[in-house]
């Protein structure tokens, strides 16, 4: 089969599009034909690698998958060839204590499709049957694939980790990425006032269309001071910051006393200097978040299928153009998700 893979960690030039071995479903797995796979910043970090990450090479990423059942593996029932499905990208072991408590992503054995195991950037994929879920007949494959990982991550970080409540205010640092475009929608659905930092008028207009109440163009003004002014010198209750090094100090200045900053990524780099006086002086909570539970996945896809949240797609491209797709994402040229079709 064809896949978008790499044989070693590195920059864009290590990515290849070519032939790899076909997967075979193990006991308890389902073999799927991938019809659409969205890409994420996670794919970039995995491809670059980090100390302690050990992958079977060649490796291919891809956490967001929609497709059709080809063959149920041994011990699997309830699925037939041709069934239209999406994949929960969080894989956990049933015997883990955290799974039993509904905190799957805290499990030491938890893995992410495309990060720790080969993902969906290929023509076929074998995954545990427990991770396969039906998708509505009214949805096409790119729209079904696009929001999966980002809606799961945004739901957990805002609803469960930050414990967002109706009437609070949320600042989303950045408008173009998949997690942020979904965070805007979930925050509005929860009844919050939503401020968004953007890098251009075009992205600001798109954020407003998603439900943002106020957008601030960081290229034209100091967004930390602007938030301070807009909130009557109070600050916001919750900041969503997945940029990291370049923004964390401004986020700490923009959050209210007793507020929460939820951190779900580090697109500008992981090594940030912070003034810890802000943490104890303002009694700020810095909250880490990643992925979500299997129940979170069912909850948030239910909201998607019901039309209460909507996928944001920048473009759909052939998987053979995967290198260019990653280049666009690294340059921040997209708003929403880039979806690849085998």
C-alpha atoms as a PDB file:
ATOM      1  CA  UNK A   1       0.000   0.000   0.000  1.00  0.00           C
ATOM      2  CA  UNK A   2       0.984   3.661  -0.304  1.00  0.00           C
ATOM      3  CA  UNK A   3       1.841   5.680   2.802  1.00  0.00           C
ATOM      4  CA  UNK A   4       3.313   9.052   3.781  1.00  0.00           C
ATOM      5  CA  UNK A   5       6.248   7.832   5.875  1.00  0.00           C
ATOM      6  CA  UNK A   6       9.719   8.580   7.192  1.00  0.00           C
ATOM      7  CA  UNK A   7      12.677   6.269   7.920  1.00  0.00           C
ATOM      8  CA  UNK A   8      14.398   8.619  10.384  1.00  0.00           C
ATOM      9  CA  UNK A   9      13.590  11.746  12.366  1.00  0.00           C
ATOM     10  CA  UNK A  10      14.285  15.107  10.770  1.00  0.00           C
ATOM     11  CA  UNK A  11      12.883  17.971   8.734  1.00  0.00           C
ATOM     12  CA  UNK A  12      10.469  17.896   5.825  1.00  0.00           C
ATOM     13  CA  UNK A  13      13.016  16.266   3.549  1.00  0.00           C
ATOM     14  CA  UNK A  14      12.784  12.932   5.426  1.00  0.00           C
ATOM     15  CA  UNK A  15       9.132  12.427   4.415  1.00  0.00           C
ATOM     16  CA  UNK A  16       8.496  10.028   1.552  1.00  0.00           C
ATOM     17  CA  UNK A  17       5.353   8.942  -0.264  1.00  0.00           C
ATOM     18  CA  UNK A  18       5.672   5.360  -1.422  1.00  0.00           C
ATOM     19  CA  UNK A  19       5.093   1.667  -0.839  1.00  0.00           C
ATOM     20  CA  UNK A  20       5.053   0.024   2.598  1.00  0.00           C
ATOM     21  CA  UNK A  21       3.815  -3.348   3.824  1.00  0.00           C
ATOM     22  CA  UNK A  22       0.059  -3.837   4.113  1.00  0.00           C
ATOM     23  CA  UNK A  23      -1.179  -4.123   7.725  1.00  0.00           C
ATOM     24  CA  UNK A  24      -2.962  -7.238   8.959  1.00  0.00           C
ATOM     25  CA  UNK A  25      -5.554  -7.103  11.750  1.00  0.00           C
ATOM     26  CA  UNK A  26      -4.454  -8.798  14.960  1.00  0.00           C
ATOM     27  CA  UNK A  27      -6.856 -10.469  17.374  1.00  0.00           C
ATOM     28  CA  UNK A  28      -9.389  -7.830  18.464  1.00  0.00           C
ATOM     29  CA  UNK A  29      -8.530  -5.420  15.656  1.00  0.00           C
ATOM     30  CA  UNK A  30     -10.362  -4.152  12.573  1.00  0.00           C
ATOM     31  CA  UNK A  31      -8.734  -3.517   9.203  1.00  0.00           C
ATOM     32  CA  UNK A  32      -9.909  -0.233   7.654  1.00  0.00           C
ATOM     33  CA  UNK A  33      -9.540   1.345   4.255  1.00  0.00           C
ATOM     34  CA  UNK A  34      -8.581   4.951   4.979  1.00  0.00           C
ATOM     35  CA  UNK A  35     -10.735   7.393   3.058  1.00  0.00           C
ATOM     36  CA  UNK A  36      -9.525  10.591   4.756  1.00  0.00           C
ATOM     37  CA  UNK A  37      -6.824  11.494   7.263  1.00  0.00           C
ATOM     38  CA  UNK A  38      -6.291  14.979   8.716  1.00  0.00           C
ATOM     39  CA  UNK A  39      -2.856  16.190   9.792  1.00  0.00           C
ATOM     40  CA  UNK A  40      -1.912  17.848  13.084  1.00  0.00           C
ATOM     41  CA  UNK A  41       1.015  19.705  14.648  1.00  0.00           C
ATOM     42  CA  UNK A  42       1.541  16.488  16.588  1.00  0.00           C
ATOM     43  CA  UNK A  43       2.730  14.903  13.334  1.00  0.00           C
ATOM     44  CA  UNK A  44       5.473  17.526  13.032  1.00  0.00           C
ATOM     45  CA  UNK A  45       6.760  16.916  16.552  1.00  0.00           C
ATOM     46  CA  UNK A  46       6.744  13.141  16.031  1.00  0.00           C
ATOM     47  CA  UNK A  47       8.601  13.427  12.741  1.00  0.00           C
ATOM     48  CA  UNK A  48      11.245  15.683  14.340  1.00  0.00           C
ATOM     49  CA  UNK A  49      11.487  13.353  17.327  1.00  0.00           C
ATOM     50  CA  UNK A  50      12.449  13.898  20.968  1.00  0.00           C
ATOM     51  CA  UNK A  51      14.571  12.073  23.546  1.00  0.00           C
ATOM     52  CA  UNK A  52      12.944   8.817  24.568  1.00  0.00           C
ATOM     53  CA  UNK A  53      10.646   8.502  21.542  1.00  0.00           C
ATOM     54  CA  UNK A  54      11.322   5.091  20.037  1.00  0.00           C
ATOM     55  CA  UNK A  55       9.374   4.197  16.914  1.00  0.00           C
ATOM     56  CA  UNK A  56       9.336   1.214  14.618  1.00  0.00           C
ATOM     57  CA  UNK A  57      10.610   2.492  11.280  1.00  0.00           C
ATOM     58  CA  UNK A  58       9.326   3.254   8.787  1.00  0.00           C
ATOM     59  CA  UNK A  59       6.738   5.288  10.672  1.00  0.00           C
ATOM     60  CA  UNK A  60       3.747   7.239   9.429  1.00  0.00           C
ATOM     61  CA  UNK A  61       1.589   9.649  11.393  1.00  0.00           C
ATOM     62  CA  UNK A  62      -2.097  10.490  11.164  1.00  0.00           C
ATOM     63  CA  UNK A  63      -4.415  10.529  14.188  1.00  0.00           C
ATOM     64  CA  UNK A  64      -7.623  11.646  12.446  1.00  0.00           C
ATOM     65  CA  UNK A  65      -9.088   8.824  10.391  1.00  0.00           C
ATOM     66  CA  UNK A  66     -12.386   8.183   8.631  1.00  0.00           C
ATOM     67  CA  UNK A  67     -12.829   5.165   6.415  1.00  0.00           C
ATOM     68  CA  UNK A  68     -14.535   1.860   5.699  1.00  0.00           C
ATOM     69  CA  UNK A  69     -14.275  -1.540   7.318  1.00  0.00           C
ATOM     70  CA  UNK A  70     -12.397  -4.037   5.164  1.00  0.00           C
ATOM     71  CA  UNK A  71     -12.066  -6.979   7.507  1.00  0.00           C
ATOM     72  CA  UNK A  72     -12.845  -7.593  11.193  1.00  0.00           C
ATOM     73  CA  UNK A  73     -10.038  -9.490  12.926  1.00  0.00           C
ATOM     74  CA  UNK A  74     -10.386 -12.615  15.018  1.00  0.00           C
ATOM     75  CA  UNK A  75     -12.695 -12.163  17.988  1.00  0.00           C
ATOM     76  CA  UNK A  76     -14.372  -9.041  16.561  1.00  0.00           C
ATOM     77  CA  UNK A  77     -18.126  -8.878  15.969  1.00  0.00           C
ATOM     78  CA  UNK A  78     -20.577  -6.133  15.097  1.00  0.00           C
ATOM     79  CA  UNK A  79     -18.729  -4.805  12.046  1.00  0.00           C
ATOM     80  CA  UNK A  80     -19.216  -5.697   8.396  1.00  0.00           C
ATOM     81  CA  UNK A  81     -17.261  -4.921   5.258  1.00  0.00           C
ATOM     82  CA  UNK A  82     -18.149  -1.466   3.959  1.00  0.00           C
ATOM     83  CA  UNK A  83     -19.286   0.014   7.295  1.00  0.00           C
ATOM     84  CA  UNK A  84     -18.427   3.738   7.434  1.00  0.00           C
ATOM     85  CA  UNK A  85     -16.448   4.571  10.568  1.00  0.00           C
ATOM     86  CA  UNK A  86     -14.230   7.033  12.418  1.00  0.00           C
ATOM     87  CA  UNK A  87     -11.393   6.147  14.785  1.00  0.00           C
ATOM     88  CA  UNK A  88     -10.906   7.266  18.384  1.00  0.00           C
ATOM     89  CA  UNK A  89      -7.182   8.181  18.268  1.00  0.00           C
ATOM     90  CA  UNK A  90      -6.505   7.370  21.929  1.00  0.00           C
ATOM     91  CA  UNK A  91      -5.536   3.734  22.476  1.00  0.00           C
ATOM     92  CA  UNK A  92      -5.485   2.310  26.005  1.00  0.00           C
ATOM     93  CA  UNK A  93      -5.376  -1.066  27.725  1.00  0.00           C
ATOM     94  CA  UNK A  94      -8.584  -2.202  29.390  1.00  0.00           C
ATOM     95  CA  UNK A  95      -6.784  -3.457  32.493  1.00  0.00           C
ATOM     96  CA  UNK A  96      -5.212  -0.088  33.341  1.00  0.00           C
ATOM     97  CA  UNK A  97      -6.546   1.531  36.538  1.00  0.00           C
ATOM     98  CA  UNK A  98      -6.949   4.950  34.906  1.00  0.00           C
ATOM     99  CA  UNK A  99      -9.089   3.484  32.120  1.00  0.00           C
ATOM    100  CA  UNK A 100     -11.428   2.026  34.725  1.00  0.00           C
ATOM    101  CA  UNK A 101     -11.786   5.504  36.258  1.00  0.00           C
ATOM    102  CA  UNK A 102     -12.520   7.165  32.930  1.00  0.00           C
ATOM    103  CA  UNK A 103      -9.130   8.914  32.814  1.00  0.00           C
ATOM    104  CA  UNK A 104      -7.718   7.000  29.868  1.00  0.00           C
ATOM    105  CA  UNK A 105      -5.222   9.644  28.748  1.00  0.00           C
ATOM    106  CA  UNK A 106      -3.487   9.503  32.171  1.00  0.00           C
ATOM    107  CA  UNK A 107      -2.791   5.816  31.694  1.00  0.00           C
ATOM    108  CA  UNK A 108       0.892   4.796  31.469  1.00  0.00           C
ATOM    109  CA  UNK A 109      -0.142   2.440  28.669  1.00  0.00           C
ATOM    110  CA  UNK A 110      -2.078   5.091  26.723  1.00  0.00           C
ATOM    111  CA  UNK A 111      -0.872   5.670  23.174  1.00  0.00           C
ATOM    112  CA  UNK A 112      -1.917   8.023  20.395  1.00  0.00           C
ATOM    113  CA  UNK A 113      -2.552   6.852  16.854  1.00  0.00           C
ATOM    114  CA  UNK A 114       0.201   8.216  14.632  1.00  0.00           C
ATOM    115  CA  UNK A 115       2.424   9.145  17.567  1.00  0.00           C
ATOM    116  CA  UNK A 116       3.354   5.964  19.404  1.00  0.00           C
ATOM    117  CA  UNK A 117       1.965   3.591  16.758  1.00  0.00           C
ATOM    118  CA  UNK A 118       1.610   3.876  12.996  1.00  0.00           C
ATOM    119  CA  UNK A 119      -1.298   6.058  12.004  1.00  0.00           C
ATOM    120  CA  UNK A 120      -3.715   6.751   9.210  1.00  0.00           C
ATOM    121  CA  UNK A 121      -1.503   8.468   6.628  1.00  0.00           C
ATOM    122  CA  UNK A 122      -1.736   5.362   4.475  1.00  0.00           C
ATOM    123  CA  UNK A 123      -4.233   3.436   2.386  1.00  0.00           C
ATOM    124  CA  UNK A 124      -5.048   0.913   5.146  1.00  0.00           C
ATOM    125  CA  UNK A 125      -4.999   0.864   8.947  1.00  0.00           C
ATOM    126  CA  UNK A 126      -5.493  -1.847  11.577  1.00  0.00           C
ATOM    127  CA  UNK A 127      -6.805  -0.581  14.942  1.00  0.00           C
ATOM    128  CA  UNK A 128      -8.427  -2.051  18.063  1.00  0.00           C
ATOM    129  CA  UNK A 129     -12.137  -2.657  17.532  1.00  0.00           C
ATOM    130  CA  UNK A 130     -12.873  -0.633  20.689  1.00  0.00           C
ATOM    131  CA  UNK A 131     -11.564   2.474  18.901  1.00  0.00           C
ATOM    132  CA  UNK A 132     -13.868   2.139  15.899  1.00  0.00           C
ATOM    133  CA  UNK A 133     -17.136   4.104  15.892  1.00  0.00           C
ATOM    134  CA  UNK A 134     -19.880   4.535  13.287  1.00  0.00           C
ATOM    135  CA  UNK A 135     -20.159   7.808  11.393  1.00  0.00           C
ATOM    136  CA  UNK A 136     -23.422   9.215  10.011  1.00  0.00           C
ATOM    137  CA  UNK A 137     -24.319   8.446   6.405  1.00  0.00           C
ATOM    138  CA  UNK A 138     -24.920  12.168   5.845  1.00  0.00           C
ATOM    139  CA  UNK A 139     -21.273  13.030   6.509  1.00  0.00           C
ATOM    140  CA  UNK A 140     -18.470  12.751   3.963  1.00  0.00           C
ATOM    141  CA  UNK A 141     -15.105  11.297   4.975  1.00  0.00           C
ATOM    142  CA  UNK A 142     -13.004  14.534   5.034  1.00  0.00           C
ATOM    143  CA  UNK A 143     -15.506  16.329   7.276  1.00  0.00           C
ATOM    144  CA  UNK A 144     -15.736  13.317   9.573  1.00  0.00           C
ATOM    145  CA  UNK A 145     -11.947  12.955   9.890  1.00  0.00           C
ATOM    146  CA  UNK A 146     -11.024  16.616  10.310  1.00  0.00           C
ATOM    147  CA  UNK A 147     -12.274  17.379  13.850  1.00  0.00           C
ATOM    148  CA  UNK A 148     -11.546  14.146  15.717  1.00  0.00           C
ATOM    149  CA  UNK A 149      -8.298  14.717  17.630  1.00  0.00           C
ATOM    150  CA  UNK A 150      -8.703  18.480  18.031  1.00  0.00           C
ATOM    151  CA  UNK A 151     -12.295  18.328  19.279  1.00  0.00           C
ATOM    152  CA  UNK A 152     -11.367  15.583  21.758  1.00  0.00           C
ATOM    153  CA  UNK A 153      -8.392  17.605  23.038  1.00  0.00           C
ATOM    154  CA  UNK A 154     -10.290  20.910  23.198  1.00  0.00           C
ATOM    155  CA  UNK A 155     -13.248  19.300  24.993  1.00  0.00           C
ATOM    156  CA  UNK A 156     -11.074  17.775  27.694  1.00  0.00           C
ATOM    157  CA  UNK A 157      -8.929  20.865  28.271  1.00  0.00           C
ATOM    158  CA  UNK A 158     -11.847  23.280  28.606  1.00  0.00           C
ATOM    159  CA  UNK A 159     -14.617  21.194  30.162  1.00  0.00           C
ATOM    160  CA  UNK A 160     -12.687  18.763  32.366  1.00  0.00           C
ATOM    161  CA  UNK A 161      -9.268  20.299  33.015  1.00  0.00           C
ATOM    162  CA  UNK A 162     -10.071  24.036  33.103  1.00  0.00           C
ATOM    163  CA  UNK A 163     -13.617  23.345  34.390  1.00  0.00           C
ATOM    164  CA  UNK A 164     -15.027  26.164  32.304  1.00  0.00           C
ATOM    165  CA  UNK A 165     -18.359  27.535  33.522  1.00  0.00           C
ATOM    166  CA  UNK A 166     -21.078  29.578  31.845  1.00  0.00           C
ATOM    167  CA  UNK A 167     -20.493  33.309  32.253  1.00  0.00           C
ATOM    168  CA  UNK A 168     -16.698  33.049  32.386  1.00  0.00           C
ATOM    169  CA  UNK A 169     -14.274  34.514  29.845  1.00  0.00           C
ATOM    170  CA  UNK A 170     -11.794  32.591  27.684  1.00  0.00           C
ATOM    171  CA  UNK A 171      -8.782  33.851  25.749  1.00  0.00           C
ATOM    172  CA  UNK A 172      -7.642  31.633  22.860  1.00  0.00           C
ATOM    173  CA  UNK A 173      -4.069  32.445  21.825  1.00  0.00           C
ATOM    174  CA  UNK A 174      -4.088  31.897  18.072  1.00  0.00           C
ATOM    175  CA  UNK A 175      -6.917  31.408  15.615  1.00  0.00           C
ATOM    176  CA  UNK A 176      -5.687  29.239  12.758  1.00  0.00           C
ATOM    177  CA  UNK A 177      -4.918  25.877  14.320  1.00  0.00           C
ATOM    178  CA  UNK A 178      -7.346  22.996  14.619  1.00  0.00           C
ATOM    179  CA  UNK A 179      -7.437  22.888  18.437  1.00  0.00           C
ATOM    180  CA  UNK A 180      -8.015  26.627  18.663  1.00  0.00           C
ATOM    181  CA  UNK A 181     -10.783  26.710  16.068  1.00  0.00           C
ATOM    182  CA  UNK A 182     -12.548  23.986  18.043  1.00  0.00           C
ATOM    183  CA  UNK A 183     -11.814  25.665  21.395  1.00  0.00           C
ATOM    184  CA  UNK A 184     -13.622  28.792  20.192  1.00  0.00           C
ATOM    185  CA  UNK A 185     -16.730  26.750  19.411  1.00  0.00           C
ATOM    186  CA  UNK A 186     -16.679  24.714  22.636  1.00  0.00           C
ATOM    187  CA  UNK A 187     -16.148  27.806  24.790  1.00  0.00           C
ATOM    188  CA  UNK A 188     -19.133  29.504  23.144  1.00  0.00           C
ATOM    189  CA  UNK A 189     -21.230  26.357  23.514  1.00  0.00           C
ATOM    190  CA  UNK A 190     -20.355  26.387  27.236  1.00  0.00           C
ATOM    191  CA  UNK A 191     -21.628  29.961  27.573  1.00  0.00           C
ATOM    192  CA  UNK A 192     -18.312  31.827  27.816  1.00  0.00           C
ATOM    193  CA  UNK A 193     -17.216  35.169  26.388  1.00  0.00           C
ATOM    194  CA  UNK A 194     -14.440  34.373  23.915  1.00  0.00           C
ATOM    195  CA  UNK A 195     -11.444  36.547  23.054  1.00  0.00           C
ATOM    196  CA  UNK A 196      -9.119  35.378  20.266  1.00  0.00           C
ATOM    197  CA  UNK A 197      -5.593  36.451  19.350  1.00  0.00           C
ATOM    198  CA  UNK A 198      -4.984  36.287  15.606  1.00  0.00           C
ATOM    199  CA  UNK A 199      -2.206  37.164  13.188  1.00  0.00           C
ATOM    200  CA  UNK A 200      -4.244  38.722  10.390  1.00  0.00           C
ATOM    201  CA  UNK A 201      -7.614  40.294   9.622  1.00  0.00           C
ATOM    202  CA  UNK A 202      -8.600  37.271   7.549  1.00  0.00           C
ATOM    203  CA  UNK A 203      -8.057  34.875  10.443  1.00  0.00           C
ATOM    204  CA  UNK A 204      -9.804  37.310  12.776  1.00  0.00           C
ATOM    205  CA  UNK A 205     -12.873  37.397  10.539  1.00  0.00           C
ATOM    206  CA  UNK A 206     -12.953  33.609  10.458  1.00  0.00           C
ATOM    207  CA  UNK A 207     -12.686  33.449  14.247  1.00  0.00           C
ATOM    208  CA  UNK A 208     -15.636  35.842  14.545  1.00  0.00           C
ATOM    209  CA  UNK A 209     -17.627  33.618  12.200  1.00  0.00           C
ATOM    210  CA  UNK A 210     -16.952  30.684  14.559  1.00  0.00           C
ATOM    211  CA  UNK A 211     -18.415  32.609  17.488  1.00  0.00           C
ATOM    212  CA  UNK A 212     -15.564  34.655  18.936  1.00  0.00           C
ATOM    213  CA  UNK A 213     -16.811  37.807  20.667  1.00  0.00           C
ATOM    214  CA  UNK A 214     -13.606  39.848  20.273  1.00  0.00           C
ATOM    215  CA  UNK A 215     -10.540  39.348  18.085  1.00  0.00           C
ATOM    216  CA  UNK A 216      -7.202  41.080  18.599  1.00  0.00           C
ATOM    217  CA  UNK A 217      -4.638  41.317  15.799  1.00  0.00           C
ATOM    218  CA  UNK A 218      -1.277  40.672  17.444  1.00  0.00           C
ATOM    219  CA  UNK A 219       0.521  42.212  14.468  1.00  0.00           C
ATOM    220  CA  UNK A 220      -1.059  45.581  15.199  1.00  0.00           C
ATOM    221  CA  UNK A 221      -1.188  45.879  18.991  1.00  0.00           C
ATOM    222  CA  UNK A 222       0.068  44.443  22.266  1.00  0.00           C
ATOM    223  CA  UNK A 223      -2.561  41.815  22.957  1.00  0.00           C
ATOM    224  CA  UNK A 224      -1.725  41.504  26.638  1.00  0.00           C
ATOM    225  CA  UNK A 225      -2.373  45.205  27.232  1.00  0.00           C
ATOM    226  CA  UNK A 226      -5.492  45.077  25.050  1.00  0.00           C
ATOM    227  CA  UNK A 227      -7.007  42.240  27.080  1.00  0.00           C
ATOM    228  CA  UNK A 228      -6.195  44.137  30.275  1.00  0.00           C
ATOM    229  CA  UNK A 229      -8.071  47.155  28.898  1.00  0.00           C
ATOM    230  CA  UNK A 230     -11.042  45.228  27.480  1.00  0.00           C
ATOM    231  CA  UNK A 231     -11.667  43.410  30.768  1.00  0.00           C
ATOM    232  CA  UNK A 232     -11.515  46.509  32.962  1.00  0.00           C
ATOM    233  CA  UNK A 233      -8.031  45.598  34.243  1.00  0.00           C
ATOM    234  CA  UNK A 234      -9.330  42.249  35.491  1.00  0.00           C
ATOM    235  CA  UNK A 235      -8.067  39.755  32.914  1.00  0.00           C
ATOM    236  CA  UNK A 236      -9.767  36.600  31.643  1.00  0.00           C
ATOM    237  CA  UNK A 237     -10.776  33.531  33.633  1.00  0.00           C
ATOM    238  CA  UNK A 238      -9.178  30.977  31.288  1.00  0.00           C
ATOM    239  CA  UNK A 239      -6.357  31.210  28.746  1.00  0.00           C
ATOM    240  CA  UNK A 240      -5.826  28.520  26.111  1.00  0.00           C
ATOM    241  CA  UNK A 241      -2.134  28.619  25.184  1.00  0.00           C
ATOM    242  CA  UNK A 242      -0.674  26.026  22.823  1.00  0.00           C
ATOM    243  CA  UNK A 243       2.079  28.334  21.532  1.00  0.00           C
ATOM    244  CA  UNK A 244       4.366  28.069  24.555  1.00  0.00           C
ATOM    245  CA  UNK A 245       7.696  29.884  24.659  1.00  0.00           C
ATOM    246  CA  UNK A 246       6.641  32.977  22.698  1.00  0.00           C
ATOM    247  CA  UNK A 247       3.378  33.646  24.539  1.00  0.00           C
ATOM    248  CA  UNK A 248       3.307  32.131  28.015  1.00  0.00           C
ATOM    249  CA  UNK A 249       4.427  35.277  29.865  1.00  0.00           C
ATOM    250  CA  UNK A 250       1.852  37.450  28.115  1.00  0.00           C
ATOM    251  CA  UNK A 251      -0.772  34.802  28.886  1.00  0.00           C
ATOM    252  CA  UNK A 252       0.182  35.041  32.571  1.00  0.00           C
ATOM    253  CA  UNK A 253      -0.263  38.798  32.461  1.00  0.00           C
ATOM    254  CA  UNK A 254      -3.614  38.491  30.650  1.00  0.00           C
ATOM    255  CA  UNK A 255      -5.212  35.960  33.025  1.00  0.00           C
ATOM    256  CA  UNK A 256      -7.258  37.148  35.989  1.00  0.00           C
ATOM    257  CA  UNK A 257      -6.276  36.656  39.610  1.00  0.00           C
ATOM    258  CA  UNK A 258      -7.189  33.104  40.471  1.00  0.00           C
ATOM    259  CA  UNK A 259      -7.476  32.286  36.760  1.00  0.00           C
ATOM    260  CA  UNK A 260      -6.386  29.208  34.850  1.00  0.00           C
ATOM    261  CA  UNK A 261      -3.995  28.776  31.928  1.00  0.00           C
ATOM    262  CA  UNK A 262      -4.444  25.498  30.101  1.00  0.00           C
ATOM    263  CA  UNK A 263      -1.404  24.361  28.128  1.00  0.00           C
ATOM    264  CA  UNK A 264      -1.879  21.849  25.340  1.00  0.00           C
ATOM    265  CA  UNK A 265       1.097  22.415  23.053  1.00  0.00           C
ATOM    266  CA  UNK A 266       4.276  24.342  22.326  1.00  0.00           C
ATOM    267  CA  UNK A 267       4.357  25.343  18.677  1.00  0.00           C
ATOM    268  CA  UNK A 268       6.971  28.062  19.355  1.00  0.00           C
ATOM    269  CA  UNK A 269       9.171  25.812  21.478  1.00  0.00           C
ATOM    270  CA  UNK A 270       9.079  24.006  24.827  1.00  0.00           C
ATOM    271  CA  UNK A 271      11.810  25.845  26.753  1.00  0.00           C
ATOM    272  CA  UNK A 272      10.129  28.920  28.215  1.00  0.00           C
ATOM    273  CA  UNK A 273      11.274  31.264  30.973  1.00  0.00           C
ATOM    274  CA  UNK A 274       8.543  32.379  33.359  1.00  0.00           C
ATOM    275  CA  UNK A 275       8.404  34.811  36.246  1.00  0.00           C
ATOM    276  CA  UNK A 276       7.054  32.615  39.054  1.00  0.00           C
ATOM    277  CA  UNK A 277       5.944  35.700  40.988  1.00  0.00           C
ATOM    278  CA  UNK A 278       2.952  35.849  38.637  1.00  0.00           C
ATOM    279  CA  UNK A 279       1.967  32.327  39.656  1.00  0.00           C
ATOM    280  CA  UNK A 280       1.822  32.891  43.403  1.00  0.00           C
ATOM    281  CA  UNK A 281       1.122  36.630  43.271  1.00  0.00           C
ATOM    282  CA  UNK A 282      -1.997  36.195  41.113  1.00  0.00           C
ATOM    283  CA  UNK A 283      -2.687  32.641  42.327  1.00  0.00           C
ATOM    284  CA  UNK A 284      -2.645  31.337  38.765  1.00  0.00           C
ATOM    285  CA  UNK A 285      -3.205  27.674  37.974  1.00  0.00           C
ATOM    286  CA  UNK A 286      -1.075  26.299  35.117  1.00  0.00           C
ATOM    287  CA  UNK A 287      -2.922  23.231  33.806  1.00  0.00           C
ATOM    288  CA  UNK A 288      -1.559  20.671  31.388  1.00  0.00           C
ATOM    289  CA  UNK A 289      -3.927  18.764  29.127  1.00  0.00           C
ATOM    290  CA  UNK A 290      -3.719  16.243  26.325  1.00  0.00           C
ATOM    291  CA  UNK A 291      -6.230  14.110  24.455  1.00  0.00           C
ATOM    292  CA  UNK A 292      -9.202  12.758  26.467  1.00  0.00           C
ATOM    293  CA  UNK A 293     -11.108   9.700  27.570  1.00  0.00           C
ATOM    294  CA  UNK A 294     -13.046   7.323  25.362  1.00  0.00           C
ATOM    295  CA  UNK A 295     -16.253   8.739  26.844  1.00  0.00           C
ATOM    296  CA  UNK A 296     -15.030  12.238  25.929  1.00  0.00           C
ATOM    297  CA  UNK A 297     -14.654  11.010  22.349  1.00  0.00           C
ATOM    298  CA  UNK A 298     -18.221   9.685  22.320  1.00  0.00           C
ATOM    299  CA  UNK A 299     -19.528  12.910  23.856  1.00  0.00           C
ATOM    300  CA  UNK A 300     -17.793  15.282  21.488  1.00  0.00           C
ATOM    301  CA  UNK A 301     -18.505  13.278  18.316  1.00  0.00           C
ATOM    302  CA  UNK A 302     -22.142  13.258  19.423  1.00  0.00           C
ATOM    303  CA  UNK A 303     -22.042  17.068  19.432  1.00  0.00           C
ATOM    304  CA  UNK A 304     -20.413  17.027  15.992  1.00  0.00           C
ATOM    305  CA  UNK A 305     -22.955  14.643  14.471  1.00  0.00           C
ATOM    306  CA  UNK A 306     -25.760  16.778  15.988  1.00  0.00           C
ATOM    307  CA  UNK A 307     -24.387  19.906  14.313  1.00  0.00           C
ATOM    308  CA  UNK A 308     -23.572  21.721  17.578  1.00  0.00           C
ATOM    309  CA  UNK A 309     -19.893  21.799  16.624  1.00  0.00           C
ATOM    310  CA  UNK A 310     -18.602  21.946  13.076  1.00  0.00           C
ATOM    311  CA  UNK A 311     -15.363  20.806  11.444  1.00  0.00           C
ATOM    312  CA  UNK A 312     -13.161  23.566  10.070  1.00  0.00           C
ATOM    313  CA  UNK A 313     -11.311  22.487   6.929  1.00  0.00           C
ATOM    314  CA  UNK A 314      -8.806  24.688   5.171  1.00  0.00           C
ATOM    315  CA  UNK A 315      -8.305  22.326   2.227  1.00  0.00           C
ATOM    316  CA  UNK A 316      -8.447  18.700   1.086  1.00  0.00           C
ATOM    317  CA  UNK A 317      -5.431  17.371  -0.826  1.00  0.00           C
ATOM    318  CA  UNK A 318      -4.203  14.040  -2.207  1.00  0.00           C
ATOM    319  CA  UNK A 319      -1.976  12.189   0.248  1.00  0.00           C
ATOM    320  CA  UNK A 320       0.749  12.281  -2.405  1.00  0.00           C
ATOM    321  CA  UNK A 321       0.976  16.046  -1.672  1.00  0.00           C
ATOM    322  CA  UNK A 322       1.623  15.392   2.001  1.00  0.00           C
ATOM    323  CA  UNK A 323       5.015  17.132   2.116  1.00  0.00           C
ATOM    324  CA  UNK A 324       3.495  20.372   0.819  1.00  0.00           C
ATOM    325  CA  UNK A 325       0.647  19.995   3.322  1.00  0.00           C
ATOM    326  CA  UNK A 326       3.094  19.821   6.221  1.00  0.00           C
ATOM    327  CA  UNK A 327       5.016  22.800   4.861  1.00  0.00           C
ATOM    328  CA  UNK A 328       1.828  24.874   4.845  1.00  0.00           C
ATOM    329  CA  UNK A 329       1.019  23.854   8.409  1.00  0.00           C
ATOM    330  CA  UNK A 330       4.538  24.621   9.650  1.00  0.00           C
ATOM    331  CA  UNK A 331       4.256  28.077   8.091  1.00  0.00           C
ATOM    332  CA  UNK A 332       0.843  28.670   9.660  1.00  0.00           C
ATOM    333  CA  UNK A 333      -0.790  29.273   6.282  1.00  0.00           C
ATOM    334  CA  UNK A 334      -4.004  27.372   7.028  1.00  0.00           C
ATOM    335  CA  UNK A 335      -7.132  28.118   9.053  1.00  0.00           C
ATOM    336  CA  UNK A 336      -8.522  24.873  10.390  1.00  0.00           C
ATOM    337  CA  UNK A 337      -7.476  21.433   9.233  1.00  0.00           C
ATOM    338  CA  UNK A 338      -5.694  20.107   6.181  1.00  0.00           C
ATOM    339  CA  UNK A 339      -7.143  16.759   5.178  1.00  0.00           C
ATOM    340  CA  UNK A 340      -5.339  14.165   3.048  1.00  0.00           C
ATOM    341  CA  UNK A 341      -7.139  11.668   0.841  1.00  0.00           C
ATOM    342  CA  UNK A 342      -5.329   8.442  -0.247  1.00  0.00           C
END
